[in-house]
Protein backbone atom coordinates (compact mmCIF):
# COMPACT_ATOMS: atom_id res chain seq x y z
CA MET A 1 -30.00 15.29 -21.79
CA SER A 2 -29.47 11.46 -21.97
CA LYS A 3 -29.30 9.47 -18.99
CA ASP A 4 -25.39 9.70 -18.72
CA ARG A 5 -25.37 13.63 -18.92
CA SER A 6 -28.12 13.89 -15.16
CA PRO A 7 -27.35 15.82 -12.37
CA VAL A 8 -25.02 13.04 -10.48
CA SER A 9 -27.98 11.67 -7.74
CA ALA A 10 -26.80 12.17 -3.73
CA ALA A 11 -27.08 8.71 -3.09
CA THR A 12 -24.27 8.01 -6.29
CA LEU A 13 -22.19 10.95 -4.32
CA LYS A 14 -22.32 9.64 -1.39
CA SER A 15 -21.86 5.45 -2.09
CA SER A 16 -19.04 6.63 -4.51
CA ALA A 17 -17.38 8.95 -2.41
CA PRO A 18 -15.48 5.69 0.01
CA VAL A 19 -14.01 4.44 -3.28
CA PHE A 20 -12.57 7.92 -3.68
CA ALA A 21 -11.22 8.10 -0.30
CA ALA A 22 -9.56 4.40 -0.23
CA LEU A 23 -8.07 5.48 -3.84
CA GLY A 24 -6.45 8.56 -2.35
CA ASP A 25 -3.26 6.65 -0.82
CA PRO A 26 -0.26 5.58 -3.32
CA THR A 27 0.12 2.27 -1.24
CA ARG A 28 -4.14 1.62 -1.94
CA LEU A 29 -3.42 2.62 -5.84
CA ARG A 30 -0.46 0.88 -5.90
CA LEU A 31 -2.22 -2.29 -4.67
CA VAL A 32 -5.24 -2.07 -7.16
CA SER A 33 -2.53 -1.80 -9.60
CA LEU A 34 -0.76 -5.18 -9.26
CA LEU A 35 -4.05 -6.87 -8.61
CA CYS A 36 -5.37 -4.95 -11.91
CA ASP A 37 -2.02 -6.55 -13.46
CA SER A 38 -2.09 -10.08 -11.82
CA GLY A 39 -5.63 -11.21 -11.00
CA PRO A 40 -6.26 -11.96 -7.83
CA LEU A 41 -3.25 -12.31 -5.69
CA SER A 42 -2.84 -13.70 -1.68
CA ILE A 43 -1.63 -11.35 0.52
CA THR A 44 2.30 -12.55 0.84
CA ARG A 45 2.22 -11.58 -2.94
CA LEU A 46 0.75 -8.43 -2.54
CA THR A 47 3.30 -7.27 0.16
CA ALA A 48 6.57 -8.72 -1.79
CA GLY A 49 8.75 -6.48 -2.86
CA SER A 50 7.15 -3.67 -0.34
CA ASN A 51 8.57 -2.09 2.70
CA VAL A 52 5.21 -1.99 3.90
CA THR A 53 4.61 -4.60 6.70
CA ARG A 54 2.05 -7.12 6.18
CA GLN A 55 0.16 -5.94 8.74
CA ALA A 56 -0.30 -2.76 6.95
CA ILE A 57 -1.22 -4.05 3.77
CA THR A 58 -3.70 -6.01 5.34
CA LYS A 59 -5.03 -2.93 6.80
CA HIS A 60 -4.91 -1.21 3.65
CA LEU A 61 -6.69 -3.98 1.85
CA ARG A 62 -9.45 -3.75 4.17
CA VAL A 63 -10.31 -0.08 3.98
CA MET A 64 -11.03 -1.00 -0.19
CA GLU A 65 -12.66 -4.15 0.76
CA GLU A 66 -15.00 -2.01 3.05
CA ALA A 67 -15.08 0.84 -0.21
CA GLY A 68 -16.27 -1.84 -1.85
CA LEU A 69 -13.39 -2.51 -4.30
CA LEU A 70 -12.55 -5.49 -3.53
CA ARG A 71 -13.10 -9.00 -2.25
CA ASN A 72 -11.16 -11.27 -0.04
CA ASN A 73 -11.68 -15.46 -0.54
CA ARG A 74 -10.68 -18.00 1.16
CA VAL A 75 -8.53 -20.45 -0.46
CA GLY A 76 -7.81 -23.09 2.49
CA ARG A 77 -5.37 -20.97 5.06
CA HIS A 78 -4.84 -18.35 2.52
CA SER A 79 -6.41 -15.29 1.83
CA VAL A 80 -6.81 -14.09 -1.78
CA TRP A 81 -7.45 -10.90 -2.98
CA GLU A 82 -9.51 -9.90 -6.03
CA LEU A 83 -11.10 -6.25 -7.68
CA ASN A 84 -14.91 -6.35 -7.53
CA GLN A 85 -15.52 -5.74 -11.13
CA PRO A 86 -19.13 -4.70 -10.81
CA ARG A 87 -18.08 -2.20 -8.16
CA LEU A 88 -14.78 -0.73 -10.63
CA ARG A 89 -17.52 -0.27 -13.38
CA GLU A 90 -19.96 1.88 -11.50
CA VAL A 91 -17.03 3.92 -10.57
CA ARG A 92 -16.26 3.94 -13.72
CA ARG A 93 -19.13 5.05 -14.99
CA TYR A 94 -19.49 7.80 -12.65
CA LEU A 95 -16.06 8.95 -13.97
CA LYS A 96 -17.15 8.99 -17.05
CA MET A 97 -20.48 11.24 -16.32
CA ILE A 98 -18.12 13.50 -14.47
CA SER A 99 -15.55 13.90 -17.45
CA ARG A 100 -18.54 14.74 -19.63
CA GLN A 101 -20.14 17.43 -17.70
CA TRP A 102 -16.51 19.48 -17.21
CA ASP A 103 -16.84 18.55 -20.98
CA ASP A 104 -20.19 20.78 -21.34
CA ALA A 105 -18.95 23.06 -18.75
CA LEU A 106 -15.64 23.76 -20.88
CA ASP A 107 -17.19 24.24 -24.19
CA SER A 108 -20.16 26.49 -22.56
CA LEU A 109 -17.04 28.29 -21.43
CA ARG A 110 -15.38 28.53 -24.63
CA GLU A 111 -18.52 30.00 -26.68
CA PHE A 112 -18.95 32.30 -23.71
CA VAL A 113 -15.50 33.95 -24.35
CA GLU A 114 -15.27 33.46 -27.95
CA ASP A 115 -18.44 35.57 -28.47
């Protein structure tokens, strides 16, 4: 079995859970999408065109920062938020591993049903 197909460790599960919990909110997904499309943005730009208050957006950003998805950099008096690319790559690898495990399970089920 290849390294990518090995069982997921308890430590990996524990460290990944906050990421998926953070992404389980539509407002947070919208913020991640904005940052993916536009790169680093200020809180003002992230709030523009939204019916959500600046304070609420800030709380959402902090949740994602605590999960390791975002970084906050100060540029003068402004906070600029950006995606934490290494963390996103780690989560992407985890999802890819889960996808392979599901594919393997479905292939086994298909073979069983066909026999």
